[in-house]
């Protein structure tokens, strides 16, 4: 079954509305099947399986409560029930681990996720790919708004915050 408009709405909600950006480790559960699998090529080598493993992993991350993941673009798969989500991830630096001058600032990075859906429109697989860090900014909202104002050419040439 091809991806639907509702699946694309679910993809956006998973990252923005009540999902990864919610600060609530239970937030993404509503968009995943009970037996969903999640892989992240940077943060964990093995697949996380089911709500409990996914939630436990993110609850342990210092960045989880401040994580913001606005969706830049969505792409639909041509011949199966899947989508690609391009996003920016921002998380607040909560300690002096990146220097005392950066405490309270926001780490910025680009990435994308591959999502697969079941016939009921829930996510059965999420695989995250990180394109690398863009730097540190003082406001994730201001940084995001600057990105949104860029032309496609400018956006493609962006290499720093």
Protein backbone atom coordinates (compact mmCIF):
# COMPACT_ATOMS: atom_id res chain seq x y z
CA UNK A 1 0.00 0.00 0.00
CA UNK A 2 1.42 3.43 -0.87
CA UNK A 3 1.93 6.08 1.77
CA UNK A 4 -1.11 8.30 2.41
CA UNK A 5 -1.64 11.94 3.32
CA UNK A 6 -2.61 10.76 6.82
CA UNK A 7 0.72 8.89 7.11
CA UNK A 8 2.58 12.09 6.24
CA UNK A 9 0.57 13.93 8.90
CA UNK A 10 1.53 11.21 11.40
CA UNK A 11 5.19 11.60 10.41
CA UNK A 12 5.05 15.34 11.15
CA UNK A 13 3.24 14.78 14.45
CA UNK A 14 5.78 12.17 15.55
CA UNK A 15 8.53 14.77 15.33
CA UNK A 16 6.65 17.93 16.29
CA UNK A 17 3.23 17.58 17.98
CA UNK A 18 3.42 15.52 21.11
CA UNK A 19 6.23 13.34 19.75
CA UNK A 20 10.00 13.81 19.93
CA UNK A 21 9.65 17.57 20.52
CA UNK A 22 7.24 17.18 23.44
CA UNK A 23 9.81 16.63 26.21
CA UNK A 24 7.67 13.67 27.30
CA UNK A 25 9.27 10.22 26.87
CA UNK A 26 5.73 8.79 26.50
CA UNK A 27 4.82 11.32 23.78
CA UNK A 28 6.02 9.32 20.75
CA UNK A 29 4.18 6.15 21.92
CA UNK A 30 0.94 7.33 20.33
CA UNK A 31 2.50 7.27 16.85
CA UNK A 32 4.30 3.88 17.15
CA UNK A 33 2.92 0.34 17.07
CA UNK A 34 3.51 -1.62 20.29
CA UNK A 35 6.25 -3.66 18.56
CA UNK A 36 7.86 -0.80 16.59
CA UNK A 37 11.60 -0.86 15.95
CA UNK A 38 13.86 2.18 16.04
CA UNK A 39 17.45 2.47 14.89
CA UNK A 40 19.67 5.50 15.17
CA UNK A 41 23.04 5.29 13.46
CA UNK A 42 24.67 7.76 15.89
CA UNK A 43 23.20 7.12 19.34
CA UNK A 44 22.70 3.34 19.44
CA UNK A 45 23.97 0.51 17.23
CA UNK A 46 21.24 -2.02 17.99
CA UNK A 47 17.57 -1.62 17.17
CA UNK A 48 15.30 -0.60 20.02
CA UNK A 49 12.12 -2.68 20.02
CA UNK A 50 8.77 -1.69 21.44
CA UNK A 51 7.53 1.30 23.37
CA UNK A 52 9.42 0.45 26.57
CA UNK A 53 12.90 0.15 24.98
CA UNK A 54 12.40 3.27 22.84
CA UNK A 55 11.06 5.28 25.78
CA UNK A 56 13.76 4.05 28.19
CA UNK A 57 16.54 5.02 25.80
CA UNK A 58 15.23 8.55 25.29
CA UNK A 59 14.38 9.06 28.96
CA UNK A 60 18.06 8.42 29.81
CA UNK A 61 19.27 11.11 27.41
CA UNK A 62 20.04 14.48 28.99
CA UNK A 63 18.73 16.14 25.83
CA UNK A 64 15.33 14.44 25.82
CA UNK A 65 13.44 17.10 27.77
CA UNK A 66 14.77 19.96 25.63
CA UNK A 67 14.81 18.22 22.24
CA UNK A 68 13.05 20.07 19.42
CA UNK A 69 12.78 18.42 15.99
CA UNK A 70 10.94 20.61 13.48
CA UNK A 71 10.27 18.96 10.12
CA UNK A 72 11.85 20.64 7.12
CA UNK A 73 10.46 18.39 4.36
CA UNK A 74 8.52 15.15 3.90
CA UNK A 75 8.99 12.72 1.01
CA UNK A 76 6.60 9.88 0.17
CA UNK A 77 7.81 6.46 -0.93
CA UNK A 78 6.72 5.55 -4.45
CA UNK A 79 5.72 1.94 -4.03
CA UNK A 80 5.39 1.12 -0.35
CA UNK A 81 4.01 2.44 2.93
CA UNK A 82 6.99 4.63 3.86
CA UNK A 83 8.27 8.19 4.05
CA UNK A 84 11.46 10.15 4.55
CA UNK A 85 11.49 13.08 6.96
CA UNK A 86 14.15 15.80 6.76
CA UNK A 87 14.51 17.64 10.05
CA UNK A 88 16.62 19.88 12.21
CA UNK A 89 17.28 18.72 15.75
CA UNK A 90 17.95 21.19 18.53
CA UNK A 91 18.73 20.37 22.13
CA UNK A 92 19.62 22.70 24.94
CA UNK A 93 23.03 22.37 26.53
CA UNK A 94 22.17 21.86 30.20
CA UNK A 95 25.65 21.77 31.74
CA UNK A 96 29.24 22.91 31.19
CA UNK A 97 30.14 19.89 29.00
CA UNK A 98 30.57 22.16 25.97
CA UNK A 99 32.13 25.01 27.92
CA UNK A 100 30.50 27.23 30.53
CA UNK A 101 29.87 29.89 27.89
CA UNK A 102 27.52 27.49 26.04
CA UNK A 103 25.35 26.45 28.96
CA UNK A 104 21.75 27.29 28.04
CA UNK A 105 22.56 27.55 24.31
CA UNK A 106 21.17 25.16 21.68
CA UNK A 107 23.09 22.52 19.71
CA UNK A 108 21.88 22.41 16.07
CA UNK A 109 22.11 19.44 13.72
CA UNK A 110 20.50 18.21 10.52
CA UNK A 111 19.22 14.75 9.85
CA UNK A 112 16.56 12.58 8.30
CA UNK A 113 14.48 9.59 9.27
CA UNK A 114 13.08 6.72 7.27
CA UNK A 115 9.62 5.72 8.48
CA UNK A 116 7.57 2.65 7.61
CA UNK A 117 3.85 2.45 8.49
CA UNK A 118 1.45 -0.40 9.18
CA UNK A 119 -1.96 -0.53 7.49
CA UNK A 120 -3.47 1.36 10.43
CA UNK A 121 -1.11 4.31 9.88
CA UNK A 122 1.17 3.76 12.89
CA UNK A 123 4.96 3.77 12.62
CA UNK A 124 6.47 0.27 12.66
CA UNK A 125 10.05 1.36 11.86
CA UNK A 126 12.05 4.54 12.35
CA UNK A 127 15.67 4.72 11.22
CA UNK A 128 17.48 7.99 11.97
CA UNK A 129 20.42 9.33 9.97
CA UNK A 130 22.36 12.36 11.21
CA UNK A 131 24.01 14.69 8.69
CA UNK A 132 26.25 16.34 11.23
CA UNK A 133 26.22 19.21 13.61
CA UNK A 134 25.81 22.77 12.41
CA UNK A 135 26.98 24.40 15.58
CA UNK A 136 25.53 26.15 18.59
CA UNK A 137 22.92 28.90 18.55
CA UNK A 138 21.33 31.00 21.27
CA UNK A 139 17.73 30.44 20.09
CA UNK A 140 16.49 27.36 18.27
CA UNK A 141 13.39 29.28 17.15
CA UNK A 142 15.44 32.11 15.59
CA UNK A 143 17.78 29.60 13.90
CA UNK A 144 14.81 27.63 12.53
CA UNK A 145 13.11 30.79 11.26
CA UNK A 146 16.33 31.85 9.47
CA UNK A 147 16.50 28.42 7.80
CA UNK A 148 12.85 28.63 6.75
CA UNK A 149 13.53 32.00 5.09
CA UNK A 150 16.41 30.65 2.96
CA UNK A 151 16.06 29.80 -0.71
CA UNK A 152 16.68 26.18 -1.74
CA UNK A 153 20.10 27.20 -3.05
CA UNK A 154 21.06 28.94 0.19
CA UNK A 155 19.77 26.05 2.25
CA UNK A 156 21.85 23.58 0.25
CA UNK A 157 25.00 25.63 0.84
CA UNK A 158 24.50 25.98 4.62
CA UNK A 159 27.35 24.48 6.61
CA UNK A 160 27.14 26.29 9.93
CA UNK A 161 24.76 27.82 12.43
